[in-house]
N, C-alpha and C. Protein backbone atom coordinates (compact mmCIF):
# COMPACT_ATOMS: atom_id res chain seq x y z
N UNK A 1 -42.44 -37.12 11.68
CA UNK A 1 -42.46 -35.86 10.95
C UNK A 1 -41.08 -35.19 11.00
N UNK A 2 -40.48 -35.10 12.22
CA UNK A 2 -39.17 -34.49 12.35
C UNK A 2 -38.12 -35.32 11.64
N UNK A 3 -38.23 -36.62 11.72
CA UNK A 3 -37.26 -37.50 11.08
C UNK A 3 -37.31 -37.33 9.57
N UNK A 4 -38.49 -37.23 9.00
CA UNK A 4 -38.64 -37.05 7.56
C UNK A 4 -38.03 -35.72 7.11
N UNK A 5 -38.28 -34.69 7.90
CA UNK A 5 -37.73 -33.38 7.55
C UNK A 5 -36.20 -33.40 7.64
N UNK A 6 -35.65 -34.01 8.66
CA UNK A 6 -34.21 -34.11 8.81
C UNK A 6 -33.58 -34.91 7.67
N UNK A 7 -34.24 -35.99 7.26
CA UNK A 7 -33.74 -36.78 6.14
C UNK A 7 -33.76 -35.98 4.84
N UNK A 8 -34.82 -35.20 4.65
CA UNK A 8 -34.92 -34.39 3.43
C UNK A 8 -33.82 -33.33 3.39
N UNK A 9 -33.56 -32.69 4.52
CA UNK A 9 -32.50 -31.68 4.58
C UNK A 9 -31.14 -32.32 4.33
N UNK A 10 -30.90 -33.48 4.92
CA UNK A 10 -29.64 -34.19 4.71
C UNK A 10 -29.45 -34.58 3.25
N UNK A 11 -30.52 -35.04 2.60
CA UNK A 11 -30.44 -35.43 1.20
C UNK A 11 -30.10 -34.24 0.31
N UNK A 12 -30.69 -33.09 0.59
CA UNK A 12 -30.41 -31.89 -0.19
C UNK A 12 -28.96 -31.46 0.02
N UNK A 13 -28.45 -31.53 1.26
CA UNK A 13 -27.07 -31.15 1.53
C UNK A 13 -26.09 -32.07 0.81
N UNK A 14 -26.36 -33.38 0.82
CA UNK A 14 -25.48 -34.33 0.13
C UNK A 14 -25.52 -34.09 -1.37
N UNK A 15 -26.68 -33.79 -1.93
CA UNK A 15 -26.79 -33.52 -3.36
C UNK A 15 -26.02 -32.26 -3.74
N UNK A 16 -26.11 -31.22 -2.91
CA UNK A 16 -25.38 -29.98 -3.20
C UNK A 16 -23.88 -30.22 -3.13
N UNK A 17 -23.43 -31.01 -2.17
CA UNK A 17 -22.02 -31.34 -2.07
C UNK A 17 -21.54 -32.14 -3.28
N UNK A 18 -22.36 -33.05 -3.75
CA UNK A 18 -22.02 -33.85 -4.93
C UNK A 18 -21.92 -33.01 -6.19
N UNK A 19 -22.75 -32.00 -6.31
CA UNK A 19 -22.71 -31.13 -7.48
C UNK A 19 -21.50 -30.19 -7.40
N UNK A 20 -21.15 -29.73 -6.20
CA UNK A 20 -20.05 -28.76 -6.03
C UNK A 20 -18.68 -29.41 -6.12
N UNK A 21 -18.56 -30.69 -5.82
CA UNK A 21 -17.25 -31.35 -5.79
C UNK A 21 -16.52 -31.31 -7.13
N UNK A 22 -17.16 -31.61 -8.27
CA UNK A 22 -16.43 -31.53 -9.54
C UNK A 22 -15.96 -30.11 -9.86
N UNK A 23 -16.77 -29.11 -9.52
CA UNK A 23 -16.38 -27.72 -9.78
C UNK A 23 -15.18 -27.33 -8.92
N UNK A 24 -15.13 -27.80 -7.69
CA UNK A 24 -14.02 -27.48 -6.80
C UNK A 24 -12.73 -28.13 -7.29
N UNK A 25 -12.79 -29.33 -7.78
CA UNK A 25 -11.58 -30.00 -8.23
C UNK A 25 -11.04 -29.40 -9.52
N UNK A 26 -11.86 -28.68 -10.26
CA UNK A 26 -11.42 -28.07 -11.51
C UNK A 26 -10.48 -26.88 -11.25
N UNK A 27 -10.49 -26.31 -10.02
CA UNK A 27 -9.67 -25.14 -9.70
C UNK A 27 -8.44 -25.52 -8.88
N UNK A 28 -7.90 -26.70 -9.09
CA UNK A 28 -6.76 -27.11 -8.29
C UNK A 28 -5.46 -26.44 -8.72
N UNK A 29 -5.35 -25.94 -9.95
CA UNK A 29 -4.10 -25.33 -10.39
C UNK A 29 -4.39 -24.20 -11.37
N UNK A 30 -4.14 -22.96 -11.08
CA UNK A 30 -3.58 -22.40 -9.86
C UNK A 30 -4.58 -22.46 -8.71
N UNK A 31 -4.06 -22.59 -7.49
CA UNK A 31 -4.94 -22.78 -6.35
C UNK A 31 -5.00 -21.58 -5.42
N UNK A 32 -4.05 -20.68 -5.46
CA UNK A 32 -4.07 -19.54 -4.55
C UNK A 32 -3.55 -18.28 -5.21
N UNK A 33 -4.12 -17.15 -4.82
CA UNK A 33 -3.73 -15.85 -5.38
C UNK A 33 -3.88 -14.82 -4.28
N UNK A 34 -2.81 -14.07 -4.02
CA UNK A 34 -2.88 -13.03 -3.01
C UNK A 34 -2.10 -11.79 -3.46
N UNK A 35 -2.47 -10.65 -2.89
CA UNK A 35 -1.81 -9.38 -3.18
C UNK A 35 -1.46 -8.71 -1.86
N UNK A 36 -0.26 -8.12 -1.83
CA UNK A 36 0.18 -7.46 -0.62
C UNK A 36 0.85 -6.14 -0.99
N UNK A 37 0.53 -5.06 -0.37
CA UNK A 37 -0.44 -4.86 0.68
C UNK A 37 -1.86 -4.85 0.12
N UNK A 38 -2.84 -5.02 0.99
CA UNK A 38 -4.23 -5.06 0.52
C UNK A 38 -4.78 -3.67 0.24
N UNK A 39 -4.19 -2.64 0.83
CA UNK A 39 -4.56 -1.24 0.56
C UNK A 39 -3.31 -0.52 0.11
N UNK A 40 -3.39 0.12 -1.05
CA UNK A 40 -2.20 0.72 -1.65
C UNK A 40 -2.55 2.05 -2.31
N UNK A 41 -1.66 3.05 -2.21
CA UNK A 41 -1.93 4.31 -2.90
C UNK A 41 -1.57 4.21 -4.38
N UNK A 42 -2.06 5.15 -5.15
CA UNK A 42 -1.70 5.21 -6.56
C UNK A 42 -0.19 5.33 -6.69
N UNK A 43 0.40 4.61 -7.65
CA UNK A 43 1.84 4.65 -7.86
C UNK A 43 2.61 3.73 -6.94
N UNK A 44 1.92 3.01 -6.05
CA UNK A 44 2.59 2.13 -5.10
C UNK A 44 2.97 0.79 -5.72
N UNK A 45 3.84 0.07 -5.02
CA UNK A 45 4.34 -1.23 -5.47
C UNK A 45 3.51 -2.34 -4.83
N UNK A 46 2.95 -3.23 -5.65
CA UNK A 46 2.09 -4.32 -5.21
C UNK A 46 2.82 -5.64 -5.46
N UNK A 47 2.82 -6.54 -4.49
CA UNK A 47 3.44 -7.86 -4.64
C UNK A 47 2.34 -8.89 -4.82
N UNK A 48 2.42 -9.65 -5.91
CA UNK A 48 1.43 -10.67 -6.24
C UNK A 48 2.06 -12.04 -6.03
N UNK A 49 1.36 -12.93 -5.33
CA UNK A 49 1.84 -14.29 -5.09
C UNK A 49 0.79 -15.28 -5.58
N UNK A 50 1.26 -16.30 -6.31
CA UNK A 50 0.37 -17.31 -6.88
C UNK A 50 0.90 -18.69 -6.52
N UNK A 51 0.01 -19.61 -6.17
CA UNK A 51 0.37 -20.98 -5.89
C UNK A 51 -0.18 -21.86 -7.00
N UNK A 52 0.69 -22.65 -7.64
CA UNK A 52 0.25 -23.57 -8.69
C UNK A 52 1.42 -23.99 -9.56
N UNK A 53 1.44 -25.25 -9.93
CA UNK A 53 2.55 -25.76 -10.75
C UNK A 53 2.51 -25.21 -12.17
N UNK A 54 1.32 -24.89 -12.68
CA UNK A 54 1.21 -24.36 -14.04
C UNK A 54 1.73 -22.92 -14.15
N UNK A 55 1.91 -22.25 -13.03
CA UNK A 55 2.28 -20.83 -13.04
C UNK A 55 3.77 -20.59 -13.06
N UNK A 56 4.57 -21.62 -13.19
CA UNK A 56 6.02 -21.47 -13.13
C UNK A 56 6.60 -20.82 -14.38
N UNK A 57 5.99 -21.04 -15.54
CA UNK A 57 6.50 -20.45 -16.79
C UNK A 57 5.34 -19.92 -17.62
N UNK A 58 5.62 -18.93 -18.45
CA UNK A 58 4.64 -18.37 -19.38
C UNK A 58 3.32 -18.02 -18.70
N UNK A 59 3.40 -17.30 -17.59
CA UNK A 59 2.21 -16.94 -16.84
C UNK A 59 2.18 -15.43 -16.62
N UNK A 60 0.97 -14.88 -16.54
CA UNK A 60 0.80 -13.44 -16.36
C UNK A 60 -0.26 -13.15 -15.30
N UNK A 61 -0.17 -11.96 -14.74
CA UNK A 61 -1.19 -11.43 -13.84
C UNK A 61 -1.68 -10.12 -14.44
N UNK A 62 -2.99 -9.92 -14.41
CA UNK A 62 -3.59 -8.76 -15.06
C UNK A 62 -4.60 -8.08 -14.12
N UNK A 63 -4.60 -6.75 -14.16
CA UNK A 63 -5.59 -5.95 -13.44
C UNK A 63 -5.74 -4.62 -14.16
N UNK A 64 -6.90 -4.02 -14.03
CA UNK A 64 -7.09 -2.71 -14.65
C UNK A 64 -6.29 -1.63 -13.93
N UNK A 65 -5.81 -1.92 -12.71
CA UNK A 65 -5.05 -0.93 -11.95
C UNK A 65 -3.57 -0.91 -12.30
N UNK A 66 -3.02 -2.03 -12.83
CA UNK A 66 -1.59 -2.04 -13.17
C UNK A 66 -1.28 -2.65 -14.52
N UNK A 67 -2.24 -3.14 -15.26
CA UNK A 67 -1.99 -3.73 -16.58
C UNK A 67 -1.63 -5.19 -16.46
N UNK A 68 -0.64 -5.65 -17.24
CA UNK A 68 -0.23 -7.05 -17.25
C UNK A 68 1.24 -7.16 -16.87
N UNK A 69 1.55 -8.09 -15.95
CA UNK A 69 2.93 -8.36 -15.54
C UNK A 69 3.19 -9.86 -15.67
N UNK A 70 4.44 -10.21 -15.94
CA UNK A 70 4.84 -11.61 -16.06
C UNK A 70 5.16 -12.17 -14.68
N UNK A 71 4.68 -13.39 -14.42
CA UNK A 71 4.99 -14.06 -13.16
C UNK A 71 6.34 -14.74 -13.26
N UNK A 72 7.08 -14.76 -12.15
CA UNK A 72 8.41 -15.34 -12.07
C UNK A 72 8.36 -16.49 -11.08
N UNK A 73 9.07 -17.58 -11.38
CA UNK A 73 9.15 -18.73 -10.50
C UNK A 73 9.84 -18.34 -9.19
N UNK A 74 9.17 -18.59 -8.05
CA UNK A 74 9.74 -18.26 -6.74
C UNK A 74 10.19 -19.51 -5.98
N UNK A 75 10.14 -20.67 -6.65
CA UNK A 75 10.54 -21.92 -6.01
C UNK A 75 9.34 -22.73 -5.57
N UNK A 76 9.44 -24.05 -5.67
CA UNK A 76 8.32 -24.91 -5.30
C UNK A 76 7.15 -24.67 -6.23
N UNK A 77 5.99 -24.50 -5.67
CA UNK A 77 4.79 -24.21 -6.47
C UNK A 77 4.45 -22.72 -6.45
N UNK A 78 5.38 -21.90 -5.99
CA UNK A 78 5.13 -20.46 -5.86
C UNK A 78 5.63 -19.67 -7.07
N UNK A 79 4.84 -18.73 -7.50
CA UNK A 79 5.23 -17.78 -8.53
C UNK A 79 4.79 -16.40 -8.04
N UNK A 80 5.40 -15.36 -8.57
CA UNK A 80 5.04 -14.04 -8.12
C UNK A 80 5.53 -12.96 -9.04
N UNK A 81 5.11 -11.75 -8.75
CA UNK A 81 5.51 -10.58 -9.52
C UNK A 81 5.30 -9.33 -8.70
N UNK A 82 6.03 -8.29 -9.04
CA UNK A 82 5.81 -6.97 -8.45
C UNK A 82 5.20 -6.09 -9.52
N UNK A 83 4.13 -5.41 -9.17
CA UNK A 83 3.44 -4.54 -10.12
C UNK A 83 3.33 -3.14 -9.53
N UNK A 84 3.47 -2.14 -10.38
CA UNK A 84 3.31 -0.76 -9.96
C UNK A 84 1.92 -0.28 -10.37
N UNK A 85 1.16 0.16 -9.38
CA UNK A 85 -0.20 0.65 -9.64
C UNK A 85 -0.11 1.96 -10.41
N UNK A 86 -0.91 2.09 -11.47
CA UNK A 86 -0.91 3.30 -12.28
C UNK A 86 -1.23 4.53 -11.43
N UNK A 87 -0.62 5.66 -11.78
CA UNK A 87 -0.85 6.88 -11.02
C UNK A 87 -2.26 7.43 -11.24
N UNK A 88 -2.94 6.95 -12.28
CA UNK A 88 -4.31 7.41 -12.52
C UNK A 88 -5.33 6.29 -12.27
N UNK A 89 -4.95 5.27 -11.50
CA UNK A 89 -5.87 4.16 -11.19
C UNK A 89 -7.05 4.68 -10.39
N UNK A 90 -8.21 4.13 -10.68
CA UNK A 90 -9.43 4.55 -9.98
C UNK A 90 -9.40 4.06 -8.54
N UNK A 91 -9.75 4.92 -7.59
CA UNK A 91 -9.82 4.47 -6.20
C UNK A 91 -10.90 3.39 -6.05
N UNK A 92 -10.66 2.46 -5.13
CA UNK A 92 -11.62 1.39 -4.87
C UNK A 92 -11.00 0.03 -5.05
N UNK A 93 -11.84 -1.00 -4.95
CA UNK A 93 -11.39 -2.39 -5.03
C UNK A 93 -11.11 -2.78 -6.49
N UNK A 94 -10.06 -3.59 -6.68
CA UNK A 94 -9.67 -4.06 -8.01
C UNK A 94 -9.43 -5.57 -7.98
N UNK A 95 -9.79 -6.23 -9.07
CA UNK A 95 -9.60 -7.67 -9.22
C UNK A 95 -8.22 -7.94 -9.83
N UNK A 96 -7.72 -9.17 -9.59
CA UNK A 96 -6.51 -9.65 -10.26
C UNK A 96 -6.87 -10.98 -10.91
N UNK A 97 -6.47 -11.15 -12.17
CA UNK A 97 -6.66 -12.40 -12.89
C UNK A 97 -5.29 -12.92 -13.30
N UNK A 98 -5.01 -14.19 -12.97
CA UNK A 98 -3.76 -14.81 -13.41
C UNK A 98 -4.09 -15.82 -14.51
N UNK A 99 -3.21 -15.87 -15.51
CA UNK A 99 -3.33 -16.83 -16.60
C UNK A 99 -2.08 -17.70 -16.57
N UNK A 100 -2.26 -18.95 -16.17
CA UNK A 100 -1.14 -19.89 -16.03
C UNK A 100 -1.29 -21.00 -17.07
N UNK A 101 -0.64 -20.82 -18.21
CA UNK A 101 -0.66 -21.79 -19.30
C UNK A 101 -2.09 -22.19 -19.65
N UNK A 102 -2.95 -21.21 -19.81
CA UNK A 102 -4.33 -21.45 -20.22
C UNK A 102 -5.31 -21.58 -19.06
N UNK A 103 -4.85 -21.88 -17.87
CA UNK A 103 -5.72 -21.95 -16.70
C UNK A 103 -5.77 -20.57 -16.04
N UNK A 104 -6.97 -20.11 -15.77
CA UNK A 104 -7.11 -18.78 -15.18
C UNK A 104 -7.72 -18.86 -13.79
N UNK A 105 -7.37 -17.88 -12.98
CA UNK A 105 -7.94 -17.74 -11.65
C UNK A 105 -8.09 -16.25 -11.38
N UNK A 106 -9.28 -15.84 -10.96
CA UNK A 106 -9.55 -14.44 -10.67
C UNK A 106 -9.86 -14.30 -9.19
N UNK A 107 -9.22 -13.31 -8.57
CA UNK A 107 -9.55 -12.99 -7.18
C UNK A 107 -10.24 -11.63 -7.18
N UNK A 108 -11.55 -11.63 -6.94
CA UNK A 108 -12.27 -10.36 -6.89
C UNK A 108 -11.84 -9.53 -5.69
N UNK A 109 -11.77 -8.23 -5.89
CA UNK A 109 -11.41 -7.28 -4.82
C UNK A 109 -10.13 -7.72 -4.11
N UNK A 110 -9.10 -8.03 -4.88
CA UNK A 110 -7.83 -8.51 -4.32
C UNK A 110 -7.09 -7.41 -3.57
N UNK A 111 -7.26 -6.16 -3.99
CA UNK A 111 -6.61 -5.05 -3.31
C UNK A 111 -7.42 -3.80 -3.54
N UNK A 112 -7.16 -2.78 -2.72
CA UNK A 112 -7.91 -1.52 -2.80
C UNK A 112 -6.94 -0.38 -3.04
N UNK A 113 -7.24 0.43 -4.04
CA UNK A 113 -6.43 1.62 -4.34
C UNK A 113 -7.07 2.81 -3.63
N UNK A 114 -6.21 3.58 -2.93
CA UNK A 114 -6.70 4.78 -2.26
C UNK A 114 -6.17 5.99 -3.00
N UNK A 115 -6.83 7.12 -2.81
CA UNK A 115 -6.52 8.33 -3.57
C UNK A 115 -5.12 8.86 -3.30
N UNK A 116 -4.68 8.86 -2.06
CA UNK A 116 -3.36 9.39 -1.73
C UNK A 116 -2.66 8.47 -0.77
N UNK A 117 -1.49 8.86 -0.32
CA UNK A 117 -0.74 8.05 0.63
C UNK A 117 -1.40 8.05 2.00
N UNK A 118 -1.06 7.08 2.78
CA UNK A 118 -1.58 6.98 4.12
C UNK A 118 -0.85 7.98 5.00
N UNK A 119 -1.60 8.75 5.78
CA UNK A 119 -0.97 9.72 6.68
C UNK A 119 -0.50 8.98 7.91
N UNK A 120 0.77 9.05 8.18
CA UNK A 120 1.32 8.36 9.34
C UNK A 120 1.87 9.36 10.33
N UNK A 121 2.63 8.88 11.25
CA UNK A 121 3.25 9.77 12.23
C UNK A 121 2.44 9.85 13.49
N UNK A 122 2.40 10.99 14.09
CA UNK A 122 1.74 11.18 15.38
C UNK A 122 0.25 11.42 15.18
N UNK A 123 -0.50 10.33 14.96
CA UNK A 123 -1.94 10.45 14.84
C UNK A 123 -2.40 11.20 13.62
N UNK A 124 -1.64 11.16 12.55
CA UNK A 124 -2.02 11.85 11.33
C UNK A 124 -1.78 13.34 11.40
N UNK A 125 -0.88 13.78 12.28
CA UNK A 125 -0.61 15.21 12.42
C UNK A 125 0.04 15.75 11.16
N UNK A 126 -0.08 17.01 10.95
CA UNK A 126 0.51 17.63 9.77
C UNK A 126 1.74 18.43 10.17
N UNK A 127 2.51 18.84 9.19
CA UNK A 127 3.72 19.61 9.45
C UNK A 127 3.43 21.04 9.88
N UNK A 128 2.25 21.54 9.58
CA UNK A 128 1.96 22.94 9.88
C UNK A 128 1.73 23.17 11.36
N UNK A 129 1.40 22.17 12.15
CA UNK A 129 1.20 22.31 13.58
C UNK A 129 -0.17 22.86 13.91
N UNK A 130 -0.33 23.20 15.18
CA UNK A 130 -1.61 23.70 15.66
C UNK A 130 -1.81 25.16 15.25
N UNK A 131 -3.03 25.50 14.97
CA UNK A 131 -3.36 26.89 14.65
C UNK A 131 -3.52 27.67 15.95
N UNK A 132 -3.63 28.98 15.85
CA UNK A 132 -3.82 29.80 17.04
C UNK A 132 -5.16 29.50 17.72
N UNK A 133 -6.15 29.13 16.94
CA UNK A 133 -7.46 28.76 17.51
C UNK A 133 -7.32 27.48 18.33
N UNK A 134 -6.60 26.50 17.79
CA UNK A 134 -6.37 25.26 18.53
C UNK A 134 -5.66 25.54 19.85
N UNK A 135 -4.68 26.41 19.82
CA UNK A 135 -3.92 26.75 21.02
C UNK A 135 -4.81 27.45 22.05
N UNK A 136 -5.67 28.34 21.60
CA UNK A 136 -6.56 29.06 22.52
C UNK A 136 -7.55 28.10 23.17
N UNK A 137 -8.11 27.20 22.40
CA UNK A 137 -9.06 26.22 22.96
C UNK A 137 -8.35 25.32 23.96
N UNK A 138 -7.17 24.83 23.60
CA UNK A 138 -6.41 23.97 24.51
C UNK A 138 -6.04 24.68 25.79
N UNK A 139 -5.61 25.95 25.69
CA UNK A 139 -5.26 26.73 26.86
C UNK A 139 -6.46 26.96 27.77
N UNK A 140 -7.62 27.23 27.18
CA UNK A 140 -8.83 27.44 27.98
C UNK A 140 -9.23 26.15 28.70
N UNK A 141 -9.09 25.02 28.05
CA UNK A 141 -9.41 23.75 28.71
C UNK A 141 -8.47 23.46 29.87
N UNK A 142 -7.18 23.70 29.68
CA UNK A 142 -6.21 23.48 30.75
C UNK A 142 -6.48 24.43 31.92
N UNK A 143 -6.74 25.70 31.63
CA UNK A 143 -7.01 26.68 32.68
C UNK A 143 -8.27 26.31 33.47
N UNK A 144 -9.33 25.89 32.78
CA UNK A 144 -10.56 25.52 33.50
C UNK A 144 -10.34 24.26 34.34
N UNK A 145 -9.52 23.35 33.88
CA UNK A 145 -9.22 22.14 34.66
C UNK A 145 -8.44 22.52 35.92
N UNK A 146 -7.47 23.43 35.80
CA UNK A 146 -6.71 23.86 36.97
C UNK A 146 -7.59 24.58 37.99
N UNK A 147 -8.45 25.47 37.53
CA UNK A 147 -9.34 26.21 38.43
C UNK A 147 -10.31 25.25 39.12
N UNK A 148 -10.90 24.33 38.34
CA UNK A 148 -11.84 23.36 38.92
C UNK A 148 -11.16 22.45 39.93
N UNK A 149 -9.95 22.02 39.62
CA UNK A 149 -9.21 21.18 40.57
C UNK A 149 -8.88 21.93 41.84
N UNK A 150 -8.49 23.19 41.71
CA UNK A 150 -8.17 24.01 42.89
C UNK A 150 -9.39 24.21 43.77
N UNK A 151 -10.53 24.51 43.19
CA UNK A 151 -11.76 24.70 43.96
C UNK A 151 -12.12 23.41 44.68
N UNK A 152 -12.04 22.29 44.00
CA UNK A 152 -12.35 20.99 44.60
C UNK A 152 -11.42 20.71 45.77
N UNK A 153 -10.13 20.97 45.62
CA UNK A 153 -9.15 20.71 46.66
C UNK A 153 -9.40 21.61 47.87
N UNK A 154 -9.72 22.88 47.64
CA UNK A 154 -9.98 23.81 48.74
C UNK A 154 -11.23 23.41 49.51
N UNK A 155 -12.28 22.93 48.83
CA UNK A 155 -13.50 22.53 49.52
C UNK A 155 -13.25 21.28 50.35
N UNK A 156 -12.48 20.33 49.83
CA UNK A 156 -12.19 19.10 50.57
C UNK A 156 -11.37 19.43 51.83
N UNK A 157 -10.47 20.39 51.69
CA UNK A 157 -9.62 20.78 52.80
C UNK A 157 -10.45 21.47 53.88
N UNK A 158 -11.41 22.29 53.46
CA UNK A 158 -12.27 23.00 54.42
C UNK A 158 -13.19 22.01 55.13
N UNK A 159 -13.65 20.96 54.50
CA UNK A 159 -14.51 19.97 55.11
C UNK A 159 -13.78 19.20 56.20
N UNK A 160 -12.47 19.03 56.02
CA UNK A 160 -11.69 18.27 56.99
C UNK A 160 -11.55 19.00 58.31
N UNK A 161 -11.68 20.31 58.36
CA UNK A 161 -11.53 21.10 59.58
C UNK A 161 -12.82 21.13 60.41
N UNK A 162 -13.94 20.86 59.79
CA UNK A 162 -15.22 21.00 60.48
C UNK A 162 -15.55 19.87 61.39
């Protein structure tokens, strides 16, 4: 019974592999598509890289976030382009489709557009600094820590004398 079931599962796996193999070989050129950075603000510069011999001439990359750009030969089987994301591009994931002499390759959700720039610096701090409320809360926490530490130290010292 177990042997029959194992044979049936193996036969189905081999059949699925046989059906998928011709479809996989059809996508050999272009074979790779990437975008860097993967998260970009509106108006940012996106670098597109494509691997494939057909992409060396007369090739384009298209997305609803940046329109259509021409790919340039980068040497070997590499082609690429720099694209500027539209300032009114919709936030969220965007696809890129390359057309290399009639052969197309689409990478779904190749990059993500965010509404504004990434806040960097000291933990996303702002230029305005701390408000008076922030300062009062911080001061109260420091004062309570000092008082609590002092009480703890005095009690430990008194225990040592007994």
